[in-house]
Amino acid sequence: MRFWRRRPEDETTESVDADATGIAPVQAEAPEASEPRWEPDPADSEDPAIAAGLDAGLERTRGGFMSRLRGFLSGGETGGPSWDDVEETLIAGDVGAALAIELVERARGRRDPGGPEAAIRAELAALLVPRDIHWTPRPASGDGPAVILVVGVNGTGKTTTIGKLASRYSADGRSIILAAADTFRAAAIEQLRIWADRAHVPVVAHAPGADPGAVVYDALDAAMARGADLVIADTAGRLHTRSNLMDELAKIRRIVDKRLPGAQPEVLFVLDATTGQNGLAQAKAFHAAVGLTGIVLTKLDSTSKGGIVFAIEEALGVPVRFVGVGEAVGDLIPFDPDAFVAALFA
């Protein structure tokens, strides 16, 4: 712990040559440190369905590190909180070492009338980025569709997430086209077709091994021709350490910019909540390559450590948009910071 305290100051068609677009890769912007920290408003209304979903999805986390955390904060027989144990418990809950220490230092200085637990709760809530919990992707300028690029490493549930998103937006009355741009894994195209059939939406796909950029370009063409509201593109899972594959993602992003100038596509990074702090390193690399605009946290119900939410939002300034709390289509729910914190401390 002493080491961490010594931190520094405070579909088949003609292929598209995306590299010829002349559009520079996206440069991720770091969050401004000078922005005021957000504090939750207890008077804010919660969506009962979202609150109920988060409450159920966080059952393991409440029984895991949160149970230990609240025990140490209560002080037990000692009459006061064990702050060293609080730090260690936050670290074990995937909040991260340096951030855990900062949280405790700030909580100790709050002198919160509600006591140590209220202080830690407020400091955790302040790490979360303000957002509209009823967020929808931004449409392109003119008559173009909104675009969502879904990215992430292998095995995080990207294709399943896309299927659930398609079902959600289709149920809301939006016309959707899916782009099967994961041409590397042959089974991915078939898996996406299965989800598309369930959601009753079309898929634009090429043969396995085709240029992913060409798939996205054709999907955008189809959306423009049919007047579709939204294009959701699947992309191949890739390790964040493979620079050539990360460059491919940047190429897809440039193709969107070429076909729909000013489209401002949403780039959702799908993160497996069970990967812990390694997921934060992944997110940082993807953010640098393509500029993430949101996180989808899957398998939240499968971990007893929900602290990664705080770590990733604090580090990137990028909001968690959805969380997966089960296998059913309806188990992908919008992320509500107030409801999340409330469910943790329930």
Protein backbone atom coordinates (compact mmCIF):
# COMPACT_ATOMS: atom_id res chain seq x y z
CA MET A 1 0.00 0.00 0.00
CA ARG A 2 2.92 2.38 0.67
CA PHE A 3 4.00 1.97 -2.97
CA TRP A 4 0.62 3.13 -4.24
CA ARG A 5 0.68 6.11 -1.94
CA ARG A 6 3.87 7.38 -3.63
CA ARG A 7 2.04 8.35 -6.80
CA PRO A 8 2.99 11.40 -8.93
CA GLU A 9 1.29 14.69 -8.63
CA ASP A 10 -1.75 15.28 -8.19
CA GLU A 11 -22.31 -8.20 -47.90
CA THR A 12 -20.05 -9.56 -51.91
CA THR A 13 -19.32 -6.23 -53.53
CA GLU A 14 -16.42 -4.21 -54.78
CA SER A 15 -14.05 -3.54 -51.95
CA VAL A 16 -13.68 -0.02 -50.59
CA ASP A 17 -10.22 1.46 -50.21
CA ALA A 18 -10.69 3.24 -46.92
CA ASP A 19 -7.07 4.34 -46.77
CA ALA A 20 -7.71 6.56 -49.77
CA THR A 21 -10.23 8.64 -47.90
CA GLY A 22 -7.60 10.95 -46.55
CA ILE A 23 -9.44 11.19 -43.28
CA ALA A 24 -7.19 11.10 -40.28
CA PRO A 25 -7.69 8.49 -37.55
CA VAL A 26 -9.74 9.51 -34.57
CA GLN A 27 -7.77 10.92 -31.70
CA ALA A 28 -9.34 10.25 -28.34
CA GLU A 29 -9.77 13.26 -26.11
CA ALA A 30 -8.81 13.01 -22.50
CA PRO A 31 -11.44 14.08 -19.99
CA GLU A 32 -10.87 17.56 -18.64
CA ALA A 33 -9.63 17.46 -15.09
CA SER A 34 -11.06 20.89 -14.43
CA GLU A 35 -14.68 19.84 -14.88
CA PRO A 36 -16.70 19.89 -11.67
CA ARG A 37 -17.31 16.53 -10.09
CA TRP A 38 -20.86 15.27 -10.36
CA GLU A 39 -22.87 14.66 -7.25
CA PRO A 40 -26.04 12.55 -7.39
CA ASP A 41 -29.35 14.25 -6.75
CA PRO A 42 -31.46 12.10 -4.44
CA ALA A 43 -34.56 13.79 -5.87
CA ASP A 44 -33.86 12.45 -9.36
CA SER A 45 -36.57 10.01 -10.45
CA GLU A 46 -35.56 6.47 -11.31
CA ASP A 47 -37.04 4.17 -13.94
CA PRO A 48 -38.48 1.33 -11.80
CA ALA A 49 -37.62 -1.30 -14.43
CA ILE A 50 -33.99 -0.15 -14.60
CA ALA A 51 -33.70 0.02 -10.84
CA ALA A 52 -35.17 -3.47 -10.47
CA GLY A 53 -32.83 -4.88 -13.12
CA LEU A 54 -29.77 -3.37 -11.48
CA ASP A 55 -30.87 -4.50 -8.05
CA ALA A 56 -31.18 -8.11 -9.26
CA GLY A 57 -27.99 -7.98 -11.33
CA LEU A 58 -25.89 -6.75 -8.43
CA GLU A 59 -26.88 -9.49 -6.00
CA ARG A 60 -23.49 -11.20 -6.19
CA THR A 61 -21.62 -7.91 -5.86
CA ARG A 62 -23.63 -6.95 -2.77
CA GLY A 63 -22.82 -10.29 -1.23
CA GLY A 64 -19.18 -9.99 -2.26
CA PHE A 65 -16.94 -6.99 -1.84
CA MET A 66 -19.77 -4.61 -0.92
CA SER A 67 -20.73 -6.72 2.08
CA ARG A 68 -17.13 -6.61 3.33
CA LEU A 69 -16.87 -2.90 2.55
CA ARG A 70 -19.92 -1.97 4.57
CA GLY A 71 -18.69 -4.10 7.42
CA PHE A 72 -15.41 -2.23 7.62
CA LEU A 73 -17.14 1.13 7.26
CA SER A 74 -19.43 0.40 10.17
CA GLY A 75 -16.41 0.00 12.44
CA GLY A 76 -17.83 -3.03 14.23
CA GLU A 77 -16.52 -3.30 17.75
CA THR A 78 -13.76 -0.76 17.17
CA GLY A 79 -16.18 2.17 17.14
CA GLY A 80 -14.80 3.58 13.86
CA PRO A 81 -14.04 2.59 10.25
CA SER A 82 -11.00 0.53 9.36
CA TRP A 83 -9.78 2.72 6.50
CA ASP A 84 -6.89 0.44 5.51
CA ASP A 85 -9.35 -2.43 5.18
CA VAL A 86 -11.69 -0.18 3.21
CA GLU A 87 -8.86 0.55 0.75
CA GLU A 88 -7.99 -3.12 0.36
CA THR A 89 -11.64 -4.05 -0.15
CA LEU A 90 -12.13 -1.41 -2.84
CA ILE A 91 -9.03 -2.71 -4.63
CA ALA A 92 -10.31 -6.29 -4.37
CA GLY A 93 -13.62 -5.06 -5.84
CA ASP A 94 -11.83 -3.89 -9.04
CA VAL A 95 -11.92 -0.19 -8.26
CA GLY A 96 -8.13 -0.07 -8.68
CA ALA A 97 -5.36 0.63 -6.20
CA ALA A 98 -4.59 4.30 -6.84
CA LEU A 99 -8.25 5.23 -7.20
CA ALA A 100 -9.16 3.34 -4.03
CA ILE A 101 -6.61 5.33 -2.04
CA GLU A 102 -7.86 8.62 -3.46
CA LEU A 103 -11.44 7.65 -2.64
CA VAL A 104 -10.59 6.92 0.96
CA GLU A 105 -8.61 10.15 1.36
CA ARG A 106 -11.49 12.21 0.02
CA ALA A 107 -14.08 10.30 2.08
CA ARG A 108 -12.11 10.87 5.27
CA GLY A 109 -12.03 14.59 4.55
CA ARG A 110 -15.76 14.96 3.88
CA ARG A 111 -16.88 14.87 7.50
CA ASP A 112 -20.20 13.58 6.15
CA PRO A 113 -23.00 13.80 8.74
CA GLY A 114 -24.22 10.41 7.48
CA GLY A 115 -20.96 8.83 8.58
CA PRO A 116 -18.17 6.96 6.75
CA GLU A 117 -20.54 4.84 4.63
CA ALA A 118 -22.35 7.93 3.36
CA ALA A 119 -19.00 9.56 2.59
CA ILE A 120 -17.72 6.59 0.56
CA ARG A 121 -21.09 6.30 -1.19
CA ALA A 122 -21.00 9.96 -2.22
CA GLU A 123 -17.40 9.72 -3.43
CA LEU A 124 -18.17 6.63 -5.52
CA ALA A 125 -21.22 8.30 -7.06
CA ALA A 126 -19.15 11.38 -7.90
CA LEU A 127 -16.89 9.26 -10.13
CA LEU A 128 -19.74 8.42 -12.51
CA VAL A 129 -20.20 10.50 -15.66
CA PRO A 130 -23.47 12.45 -16.06
CA ARG A 131 -25.70 10.99 -18.79
CA ASP A 132 -29.21 10.69 -20.16
CA ILE A 133 -30.32 7.22 -19.08
CA HIS A 134 -32.77 7.21 -22.02
CA TRP A 135 -29.90 7.75 -24.49
CA THR A 136 -30.35 6.89 -28.16
CA PRO A 137 -27.65 7.04 -30.87
CA ARG A 138 -27.33 10.33 -32.76
CA PRO A 139 -28.65 10.37 -36.36
CA ALA A 140 -26.36 11.51 -39.16
CA SER A 141 -26.81 14.96 -40.62
CA GLY A 142 -29.41 15.17 -43.36
CA ASP A 143 -31.38 11.99 -43.99
CA GLY A 144 -28.67 9.56 -42.92
CA PRO A 145 -29.11 6.85 -40.32
CA ALA A 146 -27.58 6.75 -36.90
CA VAL A 147 -24.59 4.41 -36.69
CA ILE A 148 -23.31 2.24 -33.87
CA LEU A 149 -19.98 0.45 -34.17
CA VAL A 150 -19.66 -2.31 -31.59
CA VAL A 151 -16.08 -3.17 -30.67
CA GLY A 152 -14.22 -5.25 -28.11
CA VAL A 153 -12.02 -8.27 -27.52
CA ASN A 154 -13.02 -11.87 -28.17
CA GLY A 155 -15.53 -13.51 -25.87
CA THR A 156 -17.07 -10.44 -24.28
CA GLY A 157 -20.52 -10.90 -25.87
CA LYS A 158 -20.39 -8.36 -28.71
CA THR A 159 -22.69 -10.21 -31.13
CA THR A 160 -25.17 -11.05 -28.39
CA THR A 161 -25.16 -7.43 -27.30
CA ILE A 162 -25.90 -6.31 -30.87
CA GLY A 163 -28.84 -8.72 -31.03
CA LYS A 164 -30.24 -7.33 -27.79
CA LEU A 165 -29.77 -3.74 -28.95
CA ALA A 166 -31.51 -4.55 -32.25
CA SER A 167 -34.43 -6.09 -30.37
CA ARG A 168 -34.67 -3.06 -28.07
CA TYR A 169 -34.67 -0.45 -30.83
CA SER A 170 -36.88 -2.54 -33.14
CA ALA A 171 -39.46 -2.81 -30.36
CA ASP A 172 -39.33 1.00 -30.14
CA GLY A 173 -40.40 1.22 -33.79
CA ARG A 174 -37.04 2.03 -35.35
CA SER A 175 -35.98 0.47 -38.67
CA ILE A 176 -32.60 -1.21 -38.28
CA ILE A 177 -29.95 -2.82 -40.47
CA LEU A 178 -27.19 -4.96 -39.04
CA ALA A 179 -23.74 -5.07 -40.64
CA ALA A 180 -21.89 -8.37 -40.24
CA ALA A 181 -18.43 -6.83 -40.30
CA ASP A 182 -16.91 -9.63 -38.21
CA THR A 183 -15.76 -11.50 -41.31
CA PHE A 184 -12.84 -13.14 -39.52
CA ARG A 185 -14.88 -15.57 -37.41
CA ALA A 186 -17.19 -17.48 -39.81
CA ALA A 187 -19.63 -18.43 -37.04
CA ALA A 188 -20.08 -14.76 -36.17
CA ILE A 189 -22.07 -14.08 -39.36
CA GLU A 190 -24.45 -16.95 -38.69
CA GLN A 191 -24.78 -15.97 -35.06
CA LEU A 192 -25.69 -12.43 -36.07
CA ARG A 193 -28.28 -13.77 -38.55
CA ILE A 194 -29.94 -15.75 -35.76
CA TRP A 195 -30.24 -12.65 -33.60
CA ALA A 196 -31.46 -10.61 -36.60
CA ASP A 197 -34.22 -13.16 -37.26
CA ARG A 198 -35.33 -12.88 -33.63
CA ALA A 199 -35.47 -9.10 -33.88
CA HIS A 200 -36.99 -9.20 -37.41
CA VAL A 201 -34.30 -6.96 -38.87
CA PRO A 202 -32.17 -7.42 -42.05
CA VAL A 203 -28.46 -8.18 -42.17
CA VAL A 204 -25.89 -7.04 -44.73
CA ALA A 205 -23.16 -9.67 -44.96
CA HIS A 206 -20.34 -10.78 -47.25
CA ALA A 207 -18.46 -14.05 -47.42
CA PRO A 208 -16.17 -14.98 -44.53
CA GLY A 209 -12.81 -13.29 -44.91
CA ALA A 210 -14.20 -10.32 -46.87
CA ASP A 211 -13.16 -6.73 -46.21
CA PRO A 212 -15.02 -5.57 -43.07
CA GLY A 213 -14.96 -2.00 -44.34
CA ALA A 214 -16.79 -3.02 -47.51
CA VAL A 215 -19.51 -4.66 -45.40
CA VAL A 216 -20.03 -1.49 -43.39
CA TYR A 217 -20.04 0.65 -46.54
CA ASP A 218 -22.71 -1.55 -48.16
CA ALA A 219 -24.79 -1.56 -44.98
CA LEU A 220 -24.75 2.24 -44.99
CA ASP A 221 -25.74 2.25 -48.68
CA ALA A 222 -28.64 -0.10 -47.91
CA ALA A 223 -29.75 2.05 -44.99
CA MET A 224 -29.76 5.18 -47.14
CA ALA A 225 -31.70 3.42 -49.91
CA ARG A 226 -34.32 2.00 -47.52
CA GLY A 227 -34.56 5.00 -45.25
CA ALA A 228 -33.46 3.00 -42.21
CA ASP A 229 -33.06 4.74 -38.88
CA LEU A 230 -30.08 2.86 -37.52
CA VAL A 231 -27.12 0.74 -38.63
CA ILE A 232 -25.44 -1.44 -36.00
CA ALA A 233 -22.12 -2.91 -37.10
CA ASP A 234 -20.54 -5.99 -35.58
CA THR A 235 -16.75 -6.06 -35.71
CA ALA A 236 -14.23 -8.82 -35.19
CA GLY A 237 -13.01 -9.37 -31.68
CA ARG A 238 -9.40 -8.41 -31.32
CA LEU A 239 -6.81 -8.15 -28.63
CA HIS A 240 -5.97 -4.57 -27.77
CA THR A 241 -2.27 -5.42 -28.15
CA ARG A 242 -2.58 -6.25 -31.89
CA SER A 243 -1.90 -2.91 -33.55
CA ASN A 244 -2.74 -4.10 -37.09
CA LEU A 245 -6.20 -5.18 -36.00
CA MET A 246 -6.74 -1.98 -34.07
CA ASP A 247 -5.77 -0.08 -37.24
CA GLU A 248 -8.54 -1.99 -39.05
CA LEU A 249 -11.06 -0.57 -36.63
CA ALA A 250 -9.83 2.95 -37.34
CA LYS A 251 -10.22 2.18 -41.07
CA ILE A 252 -13.88 1.19 -40.54
CA ARG A 253 -14.44 4.40 -38.65
CA ARG A 254 -12.98 6.40 -41.56
CA ILE A 255 -15.28 4.58 -44.01
CA VAL A 256 -18.29 5.69 -41.99
CA ASP A 257 -16.98 9.23 -42.08
CA LYS A 258 -16.54 9.00 -45.88
CA ARG A 259 -20.00 7.57 -46.62
CA LEU A 260 -21.84 9.72 -44.06
CA PRO A 261 -19.81 12.89 -43.52
CA GLY A 262 -20.50 14.30 -40.10
CA ALA A 263 -22.30 11.15 -38.97
CA GLN A 264 -20.58 11.06 -35.57
CA PRO A 265 -21.05 7.30 -35.09
CA GLU A 266 -21.41 5.90 -31.63
CA VAL A 267 -18.60 3.50 -30.76
CA LEU A 268 -19.66 1.11 -28.00
CA PHE A 269 -16.98 -0.96 -26.31
CA VAL A 270 -18.26 -4.26 -24.92
CA LEU A 271 -16.50 -5.19 -21.71
CA ASP A 272 -16.84 -8.38 -19.73
CA ALA A 273 -17.31 -7.32 -16.11
CA THR A 274 -15.52 -10.43 -14.89
CA THR A 275 -12.19 -9.36 -16.47
CA GLY A 276 -11.60 -6.72 -13.81
CA GLN A 277 -8.76 -4.24 -14.18
CA ASN A 278 -7.49 -5.92 -17.37
CA GLY A 279 -10.68 -4.66 -18.99
CA LEU A 280 -9.63 -1.11 -18.18
CA ALA A 281 -6.39 -1.53 -20.13
CA GLN A 282 -8.40 -2.90 -23.06
CA ALA A 283 -10.80 0.03 -22.98
CA LYS A 284 -7.96 2.56 -22.95
CA ALA A 285 -6.37 1.01 -26.07
CA PHE A 286 -9.67 0.94 -27.97
CA HIS A 287 -10.42 4.50 -26.90
CA ALA A 288 -7.08 5.67 -28.30
CA ALA A 289 -7.70 3.83 -31.60
CA VAL A 290 -11.30 4.74 -32.41
CA GLY A 291 -12.63 7.11 -29.77
CA LEU A 292 -15.15 5.30 -27.63
CA THR A 293 -18.44 7.04 -26.88
CA GLY A 294 -19.89 4.45 -24.55
CA ILE A 295 -19.36 1.19 -22.69
CA VAL A 296 -21.57 -1.89 -22.55
CA LEU A 297 -20.73 -3.90 -19.45
CA THR A 298 -21.75 -7.54 -19.86
CA LYS A 299 -22.01 -10.35 -17.29
CA LEU A 300 -22.41 -7.94 -14.40
CA ASP A 301 -24.58 -10.54 -12.69
CA SER A 302 -21.72 -13.05 -12.86
CA THR A 303 -19.21 -11.14 -10.76
CA SER A 304 -18.97 -10.31 -7.10
CA LYS A 305 -16.80 -7.29 -8.03
CA GLY A 306 -18.74 -4.41 -9.57
CA GLY A 307 -16.11 -1.75 -8.94
CA ILE A 308 -14.85 -1.75 -12.55
CA VAL A 309 -17.73 0.61 -13.38
CA PHE A 310 -16.17 3.35 -11.27
CA ALA A 311 -12.64 2.68 -12.52
CA ILE A 312 -13.49 2.82 -16.22
CA GLU A 313 -15.67 5.92 -16.04
CA GLU A 314 -13.15 7.78 -13.92
CA ALA A 315 -10.24 6.86 -16.20
CA LEU A 316 -11.89 7.51 -19.59
CA GLY A 317 -14.69 9.97 -18.91
CA VAL A 318 -16.83 7.66 -21.09
CA PRO A 319 -20.24 6.60 -19.77
CA VAL A 320 -21.45 3.06 -19.30
CA ARG A 321 -24.54 3.02 -21.54
CA PHE A 322 -25.89 -0.49 -20.89
CA VAL A 323 -25.22 -3.37 -18.54
CA GLY A 324 -25.97 -7.04 -19.07
CA VAL A 325 -27.57 -8.73 -16.10
CA GLY A 326 -28.69 -12.03 -17.66
CA GLU A 327 -29.12 -14.06 -20.84
CA ALA A 328 -32.62 -12.91 -21.87
CA VAL A 329 -33.14 -10.18 -24.47
CA GLY A 330 -34.54 -7.85 -21.84
CA ASP A 331 -31.54 -8.34 -19.59
CA LEU A 332 -29.55 -5.62 -21.36
CA ILE A 333 -30.67 -2.51 -19.51
CA PRO A 334 -29.72 1.18 -19.61
CA PHE A 335 -27.24 2.17 -16.93
CA ASP A 336 -28.57 4.57 -14.31
CA PRO A 337 -25.81 5.84 -11.97
CA ASP A 338 -28.18 6.70 -9.13
CA ALA A 339 -29.92 3.32 -9.30
CA PHE A 340 -26.55 1.56 -9.54
CA VAL A 341 -25.14 3.15 -6.42
CA ALA A 342 -28.43 2.66 -4.57
CA ALA A 343 -28.44 -1.04 -5.50
CA LEU A 344 -24.85 -1.45 -4.31
CA PHE A 345 -25.69 -0.09 -0.88
CA ALA A 346 -29.17 -1.67 -0.59
